[in-house]
C-alpha atoms as a PDB file:
ATOM      1  CA  MET A   1       6.291 -30.281  -4.431  1.00  0.00           C
ATOM      2  CA  LYS A   2       5.376 -27.561  -6.913  1.00  0.00           C
ATOM      3  CA  ARG A   3       8.022 -25.450  -8.520  1.00  0.00           C
ATOM      4  CA  ARG A   4       7.750 -21.679  -8.244  1.00  0.00           C
ATOM      5  CA  GLU A   5       6.278 -21.202 -11.695  1.00  0.00           C
ATOM      6  CA  ASP A   6       3.430 -23.573 -10.783  1.00  0.00           C
ATOM      7  CA  LEU A   7       2.443 -21.766  -7.591  1.00  0.00           C
ATOM      8  CA  LYS A   8      -0.808 -19.815  -7.521  1.00  0.00           C
ATOM      9  CA  TYR A   9      -1.268 -16.915  -5.199  1.00  0.00           C
ATOM     10  CA  GLN A  10      -4.566 -15.843  -3.692  1.00  0.00           C
ATOM     11  CA  THR A  11      -5.958 -12.536  -4.906  1.00  0.00           C
ATOM     12  CA  THR A  12      -9.189 -10.722  -4.140  1.00  0.00           C
ATOM     13  CA  SER A  13     -11.288 -11.195  -7.237  1.00  0.00           C
ATOM     14  CA  ASP A  14     -14.355  -9.186  -6.287  1.00  0.00           C
ATOM     15  CA  ARG A  15     -12.682  -5.827  -6.931  1.00  0.00           C
ATOM     16  CA  LYS A  16     -10.933  -4.441  -9.954  1.00  0.00           C
ATOM     17  CA  ILE A  17      -7.818  -2.636  -8.771  1.00  0.00           C
ATOM     18  CA  VAL A  18      -6.849   0.313 -10.973  1.00  0.00           C
ATOM     19  CA  ARG A  19      -3.422   1.938 -11.130  1.00  0.00           C
ATOM     20  CA  TYR A  20      -4.276   5.617 -11.200  1.00  0.00           C
ATOM     21  CA  ALA A  21      -1.092   7.624 -10.531  1.00  0.00           C
ATOM     22  CA  THR A  22       0.463   6.953 -13.936  1.00  0.00           C
ATOM     23  CA  LYS A  23       3.403   8.905 -15.345  1.00  0.00           C
ATOM     24  CA  ALA A  24       1.056  10.755 -17.683  1.00  0.00           C
ATOM     25  CA  ARG A  25      -1.180  11.883 -14.813  1.00  0.00           C
ATOM     26  CA  MET A  26       1.779  12.747 -12.584  1.00  0.00           C
ATOM     27  CA  ALA A  27       3.074  14.997 -15.338  1.00  0.00           C
ATOM     28  CA  GLN A  28      -0.123  17.067 -14.991  1.00  0.00           C
ATOM     29  CA  VAL A  29       0.200  17.535 -11.213  1.00  0.00           C
ATOM     30  CA  ASN A  30       0.790  21.050  -9.918  1.00  0.00           C
ATOM     31  CA  PRO A  31       4.603  21.235  -9.525  1.00  0.00           C
ATOM     32  CA  GLU A  32       4.180  23.268  -6.336  1.00  0.00           C
ATOM     33  CA  ASN A  33       2.315  20.321  -4.814  1.00  0.00           C
ATOM     34  CA  ILE A  34       5.131  17.943  -5.630  1.00  0.00           C
ATOM     35  CA  LYS A  35       7.629  20.432  -4.222  1.00  0.00           C
ATOM     36  CA  VAL A  36       5.846  20.941  -0.901  1.00  0.00           C
ATOM     37  CA  TYR A  37       5.143  17.225  -0.489  1.00  0.00           C
ATOM     38  CA  ASN A  38       8.809  16.407  -1.067  1.00  0.00           C
ATOM     39  CA  LYS A  39       9.592  18.937   1.660  1.00  0.00           C
ATOM     40  CA  TYR A  40       7.212  17.054   3.951  1.00  0.00           C
ATOM     41  CA  LEU A  41       8.898  13.742   3.096  1.00  0.00           C
ATOM     42  CA  ARG A  42      12.370  15.096   3.826  1.00  0.00           C
ATOM     43  CA  SER A  43      11.204  16.474   7.146  1.00  0.00           C
ATOM     44  CA  ARG A  44       9.403  13.305   8.238  1.00  0.00           C
ATOM     45  CA  THR A  45      12.062  10.828   7.119  1.00  0.00           C
ATOM     46  CA  ILE A  46      14.774  12.768   8.968  1.00  0.00           C
ATOM     47  CA  GLN A  47      12.762  12.396  12.164  1.00  0.00           C
ATOM     48  CA  ASN A  48      11.590   8.836  11.419  1.00  0.00           C
ATOM     49  CA  SER A  49      14.368   7.259   9.352  1.00  0.00           C
ATOM     50  CA  ASP A  50      13.423   3.734  10.486  1.00  0.00           C
ATOM     51  CA  VAL A  51      10.212   3.856   8.447  1.00  0.00           C
ATOM     52  CA  LYS A  52      11.584   5.740   5.451  1.00  0.00           C
ATOM     53  CA  GLN A  53      11.276   2.707   3.167  1.00  0.00           C
ATOM     54  CA  THR A  54       8.005   1.446   4.627  1.00  0.00           C
ATOM     55  CA  THR A  55       5.405   3.869   5.980  1.00  0.00           C
ATOM     56  CA  TYR A  56       6.544   6.970   4.116  1.00  0.00           C
ATOM     57  CA  LYS A  57       7.180   5.108   0.892  1.00  0.00           C
ATOM     58  CA  VAL A  58       3.566   3.902   0.996  1.00  0.00           C
ATOM     59  CA  TYR A  59       2.302   7.356   1.999  1.00  0.00           C
ATOM     60  CA  HIS A  60       4.221   8.861  -0.925  1.00  0.00           C
ATOM     61  CA  SER A  61       2.533   6.542  -3.415  1.00  0.00           C
ATOM     62  CA  TYR A  62      -0.859   7.241  -1.833  1.00  0.00           C
ATOM     63  CA  MET A  63      -0.307  11.001  -1.928  1.00  0.00           C
ATOM     64  CA  ASN A  64       0.564  10.757  -5.607  1.00  0.00           C
ATOM     65  CA  ILE A  65      -2.917   9.331  -6.163  1.00  0.00           C
ATOM     66  CA  PHE A  66      -4.455  12.223  -4.248  1.00  0.00           C
ATOM     67  CA  MET A  67      -2.467  14.814  -6.193  1.00  0.00           C
ATOM     68  CA  CYS A  68      -3.495  13.204  -9.489  1.00  0.00           C
ATOM     69  CA  TYR A  69      -7.091  13.211  -8.290  1.00  0.00           C
ATOM     70  CA  ILE A  70      -7.156  16.920  -7.493  1.00  0.00           C
ATOM     71  CA  ALA A  71      -5.344  17.672 -10.747  1.00  0.00           C
ATOM     72  CA  GLU A  72      -8.098  15.922 -12.671  1.00  0.00           C
ATOM     73  CA  TYR A  73     -11.160  16.809 -10.632  1.00  0.00           C
ATOM     74  CA  TRP A  74     -10.352  19.936  -8.588  1.00  0.00           C
ATOM     75  CA  ASP A  75      -8.479  22.315 -10.905  1.00  0.00           C
ATOM     76  CA  ASN A  76      -5.067  21.231  -9.612  1.00  0.00           C
ATOM     77  CA  PHE A  77      -5.286  23.509  -6.567  1.00  0.00           C
ATOM     78  CA  TYR A  78      -2.229  24.119  -4.410  1.00  0.00           C
ATOM     79  CA  LEU A  79      -2.265  21.808  -1.399  1.00  0.00           C
ATOM     80  CA  LEU A  80      -1.819  24.722   1.000  1.00  0.00           C
ATOM     81  CA  ASP A  81      -4.326  27.090  -0.617  1.00  0.00           C
ATOM     82  CA  GLU A  82      -6.199  28.440   2.424  1.00  0.00           C
ATOM     83  CA  ASP A  83      -9.284  29.406   0.418  1.00  0.00           C
ATOM     84  CA  VAL A  84      -9.744  25.856  -0.861  1.00  0.00           C
ATOM     85  CA  LEU A  85      -8.912  24.356   2.525  1.00  0.00           C
ATOM     86  CA  ASP A  86     -11.500  26.524   4.272  1.00  0.00           C
ATOM     87  CA  GLU A  87     -14.308  26.266   1.753  1.00  0.00           C
ATOM     88  CA  ASP A  88     -13.976  23.048  -0.218  1.00  0.00           C
ATOM     89  CA  MET A  89     -11.772  20.546   1.581  1.00  0.00           C
ATOM     90  CA  LEU A  90     -14.542  18.423   3.065  1.00  0.00           C
ATOM     91  CA  ASP A  91     -16.113  18.097  -0.376  1.00  0.00           C
ATOM     92  CA  VAL A  92     -12.697  17.290  -1.842  1.00  0.00           C
ATOM     93  CA  MET A  93     -12.058  14.515   0.676  1.00  0.00           C
ATOM     94  CA  GLU A  94     -15.543  13.013   0.514  1.00  0.00           C
ATOM     95  CA  GLY A  95     -15.287  13.021  -3.270  1.00  0.00           C
ATOM     96  CA  TYR A  96     -11.841  11.432  -3.003  1.00  0.00           C
ATOM     97  CA  MET A  97     -13.151   8.629  -0.804  1.00  0.00           C
ATOM     98  CA  SER A  98     -15.955   7.958  -3.261  1.00  0.00           C
ATOM     99  CA  PHE A  99     -13.472   8.062  -6.132  1.00  0.00           C
ATOM    100  CA  LEU A 100     -11.191   5.509  -4.432  1.00  0.00           C
ATOM    101  CA  ALA A 101     -14.093   3.121  -3.957  1.00  0.00           C
ATOM    102  CA  GLU A 102     -15.776   3.516  -7.337  1.00  0.00           C
ATOM    103  CA  LYS A 103     -12.911   4.266  -9.724  1.00  0.00           C
ATOM    104  CA  CYS A 104      -9.924   2.601  -8.062  1.00  0.00           C
ATOM    105  CA  GLY A 105     -11.691  -0.412  -6.561  1.00  0.00           C
ATOM    106  CA  ASN A 106     -10.340   0.184  -3.058  1.00  0.00           C
ATOM    107  CA  GLY A 107     -11.906  -1.363   0.032  1.00  0.00           C
ATOM    108  CA  LYS A 108     -12.784   0.428   3.254  1.00  0.00           C
ATOM    109  CA  LYS A 109      -9.503  -0.246   5.039  1.00  0.00           C
ATOM    110  CA  VAL A 110      -7.391   0.961   2.119  1.00  0.00           C
ATOM    111  CA  ILE A 111      -9.511   4.078   1.695  1.00  0.00           C
ATOM    112  CA  ASN A 112      -9.091   4.982   5.360  1.00  0.00           C
ATOM    113  CA  THR A 113      -5.339   4.480   5.076  1.00  0.00           C
ATOM    114  CA  LYS A 114      -5.152   6.704   1.994  1.00  0.00           C
ATOM    115  CA  VAL A 115      -7.094   9.403   3.816  1.00  0.00           C
ATOM    116  CA  SER A 116      -4.612   9.062   6.695  1.00  0.00           C
ATOM    117  CA  ALA A 117      -1.762   9.668   4.247  1.00  0.00           C
ATOM    118  CA  VAL A 118      -3.333  12.989   3.242  1.00  0.00           C
ATOM    119  CA  SER A 119      -4.110  13.835   6.865  1.00  0.00           C
ATOM    120  CA  SER A 120      -0.494  13.194   7.884  1.00  0.00           C
ATOM    121  CA  PHE A 121       0.658  15.843   5.421  1.00  0.00           C
ATOM    122  CA  TYR A 122      -1.779  18.404   6.823  1.00  0.00           C
ATOM    123  CA  ILE A 123      -0.809  17.602  10.410  1.00  0.00           C
ATOM    124  CA  TRP A 124       2.788  18.380   9.461  1.00  0.00           C
ATOM    125  CA  ALA A 125       1.806  21.573   7.599  1.00  0.00           C
ATOM    126  CA  THR A 126      -0.186  22.757  10.620  1.00  0.00           C
ATOM    127  CA  LYS A 127       2.699  22.126  13.006  1.00  0.00           C
ATOM    128  CA  ARG A 128       5.010  24.025  10.666  1.00  0.00           C
ATOM    129  CA  ARG A 129       2.481  26.899  10.618  1.00  0.00           C
ATOM    130  CA  MET A 130       2.195  26.680   6.840  1.00  0.00           C
ATOM    131  CA  ILE A 131      -1.598  26.659   7.266  1.00  0.00           C
ATOM    132  CA  LYS A 132      -3.858  27.885  10.063  1.00  0.00           C
ATOM    133  CA  ALA A 133      -5.442  24.543  10.887  1.00  0.00           C
ATOM    134  CA  HIS A 134      -5.886  21.004   9.670  1.00  0.00           C
ATOM    135  CA  PRO A 135      -8.644  21.291   7.048  1.00  0.00           C
ATOM    136  CA  PHE A 136     -10.632  18.150   7.904  1.00  0.00           C
ATOM    137  CA  ASP A 137      -9.438  16.844  11.260  1.00  0.00           C
ATOM    138  CA  GLY A 138     -12.468  16.044  13.413  1.00  0.00           C
ATOM    139  CA  LYS A 139     -14.806  16.940  10.551  1.00  0.00           C
ATOM    140  CA  LEU A 140     -14.453  14.036   8.151  1.00  0.00           C
ATOM    141  CA  ASP A 141     -15.950  10.677   9.109  1.00  0.00           C
ATOM    142  CA  ARG A 142     -13.846   7.694   8.150  1.00  0.00           C
ATOM    143  CA  ILE A 143     -15.539   4.670   6.610  1.00  0.00           C
ATOM    144  CA  LYS A 144     -17.012   2.409   9.275  1.00  0.00           C
ATOM    145  CA  GLY A 145     -16.587  -1.369   9.299  1.00  0.00           C
ATOM    146  CA  ALA A 146     -13.100  -1.331   7.762  1.00  0.00           C
ATOM    147  CA  GLN A 147     -11.803  -3.970  10.179  1.00  0.00           C
ATOM    148  CA  ASP A 148     -14.752  -6.250   9.481  1.00  0.00           C
ATOM    149  CA  GLU A 149     -13.858  -6.223   5.806  1.00  0.00           C
ATOM    150  CA  LYS A 150     -10.467  -7.834   6.356  1.00  0.00           C
ATOM    151  CA  ARG A 151     -10.453 -11.451   5.294  1.00  0.00           C
ATOM    152  CA  ILE A 152      -7.783 -13.934   6.251  1.00  0.00           C
ATOM    153  CA  ALA A 153      -7.330 -17.157   4.345  1.00  0.00           C
ATOM    154  CA  VAL A 154      -5.342 -19.832   6.132  1.00  0.00           C
ATOM    155  CA  TYR A 155      -3.381 -22.381   4.155  1.00  0.00           C
ATOM    156  CA  PHE A 156      -1.302 -25.047   5.854  1.00  0.00           C
ATOM    157  CA  LEU A 157       0.182 -28.489   5.341  1.00  0.00           C
ATOM    158  CA  HIS A 158      -0.641 -31.482   7.500  1.00  0.00           C
ATOM    159  CA  LYS A 159       2.202 -33.400   9.128  1.00  0.00           C
ATOM    160  CA  GLU A 160       1.907 -36.223   6.593  1.00  0.00           C
ATOM    161  CA  GLN A 161       2.323 -33.742   3.740  1.00  0.00           C
ATOM    162  CA  ILE A 162       5.310 -32.089   5.414  1.00  0.00           C
ATOM    163  CA  ASP A 163       6.980 -35.457   5.953  1.00  0.00           C
ATOM    164  CA  LYS A 164       6.317 -36.449   2.345  1.00  0.00           C
ATOM    165  CA  ILE A 165       7.885 -33.256   0.959  1.00  0.00           C
ATOM    166  CA  THR A 166      10.871 -33.465   3.313  1.00  0.00           C
ATOM    167  CA  LYS A 167      11.482 -37.096   2.398  1.00  0.00           C
ATOM    168  CA  GLU A 168      11.172 -36.413  -1.331  1.00  0.00           C
ATOM    169  CA  LEU A 169      13.622 -33.528  -1.227  1.00  0.00           C
ATOM    170  CA  ALA A 170      16.104 -35.511   0.878  1.00  0.00           C
ATOM    171  CA  LYS A 171      16.514 -38.224  -1.792  1.00  0.00           C
ATOM    172  CA  PRO A 172      19.948 -38.581  -3.434  1.00  0.00           C
ATOM    173  CA  LYS A 173      20.649 -35.772  -5.880  1.00  0.00           C
ATOM    174  CA  ASP A 174      21.050 -37.736  -9.089  1.00  0.00           C
ATOM    175  CA  ALA A 175      19.749 -37.506 -12.619  1.00  0.00           C
ATOM    176  CA  ALA A 176      16.495 -39.202 -11.654  1.00  0.00           C
ATOM    177  CA  ASN A 177      15.718 -36.611  -8.993  1.00  0.00           C
ATOM    178  CA  PRO A 178      14.006 -33.476 -10.375  1.00  0.00           C
ATOM    179  CA  TYR A 179      14.918 -31.532  -7.214  1.00  0.00           C
ATOM    180  CA  ASP A 180      18.416 -30.296  -6.401  1.00  0.00           C
ATOM    181  CA  ARG A 181      20.129 -29.172  -3.206  1.00  0.00           C
ATOM    182  CA  GLN A 182      18.799 -25.641  -3.653  1.00  0.00           C
ATOM    183  CA  ASP A 183      15.210 -26.903  -3.651  1.00  0.00           C
ATOM    184  CA  GLU A 184      15.862 -28.774  -0.424  1.00  0.00           C
ATOM    185  CA  LEU A 185      17.516 -25.737   1.129  1.00  0.00           C
ATOM    186  CA  ILE A 186      14.655 -23.410   0.176  1.00  0.00           C
ATOM    187  CA  TRP A 187      12.103 -25.826   1.619  1.00  0.00           C
ATOM    188  CA  ASN A 188      13.935 -26.123   4.931  1.00  0.00           C
ATOM    189  CA  ILE A 189      14.431 -22.374   5.244  1.00  0.00           C
ATOM    190  CA  ALA A 190      10.757 -21.795   4.483  1.00  0.00           C
ATOM    191  CA  PHE A 191       9.582 -24.438   6.944  1.00  0.00           C
ATOM    192  CA  ASP A 192      11.992 -23.660   9.793  1.00  0.00           C
ATOM    193  CA  SER A 193      11.443 -19.899   9.595  1.00  0.00           C
ATOM    194  CA  ALA A 194       7.669 -20.085   8.996  1.00  0.00           C
ATOM    195  CA  CYS A 195       8.222 -17.423   6.362  1.00  0.00           C
ATOM    196  CA  ARG A 196       5.112 -16.222   4.535  1.00  0.00           C
ATOM    197  CA  ILE A 197       4.737 -17.283   0.912  1.00  0.00           C
ATOM    198  CA  GLY A 198       4.674 -13.677  -0.317  1.00  0.00           C
ATOM    199  CA  ALA A 199       7.963 -12.903   1.420  1.00  0.00           C
ATOM    200  CA  LEU A 200       9.546 -16.074   0.044  1.00  0.00           C
ATOM    201  CA  TYR A 201       8.391 -15.248  -3.460  1.00  0.00           C
ATOM    202  CA  ARG A 202       9.994 -11.789  -3.261  1.00  0.00           C
ATOM    203  CA  LEU A 203      13.241 -13.359  -2.055  1.00  0.00           C
END
């Protein structure tokens, strides 16, 4: 049985993932954009507190990327600027999708999700009558084939391997045994709960 430091985790190697929303870039973001987006977050998390630390935490990080993008490429316009929303928003979003693919190394599914994060903000702003209408709803085509891109790799142990590990970990805990009671406990929790390796690693 491998110890944690020996484990290797699968990663997608055909794309270079770039962290774009750095502290330096966030410092250049229009402060009014940060202010209005924080207002959106407060409003949405009050109504949907169960997903405060999941969906909206992810959306927040994705919106930071968008705000950094418009700061760098679109003169840092205010998110609710009606003139920009009416005249340029389709170009902004199509450019953003291209940027995510080419500069950030994102795949189709991730790009569509990041566009949804932006769209969610504008749905809220429309309902609050902060803008006249959603600037790209029904006008912007999402990337097709996103579901086909998803790849699932299946790794599993055969019964003989499971029995071998269980037997090895159940041996008397003496100086000759490199595994202690904690190793045995972790193995049994992992096996009995069918917990995913990523979740176990975070624990």
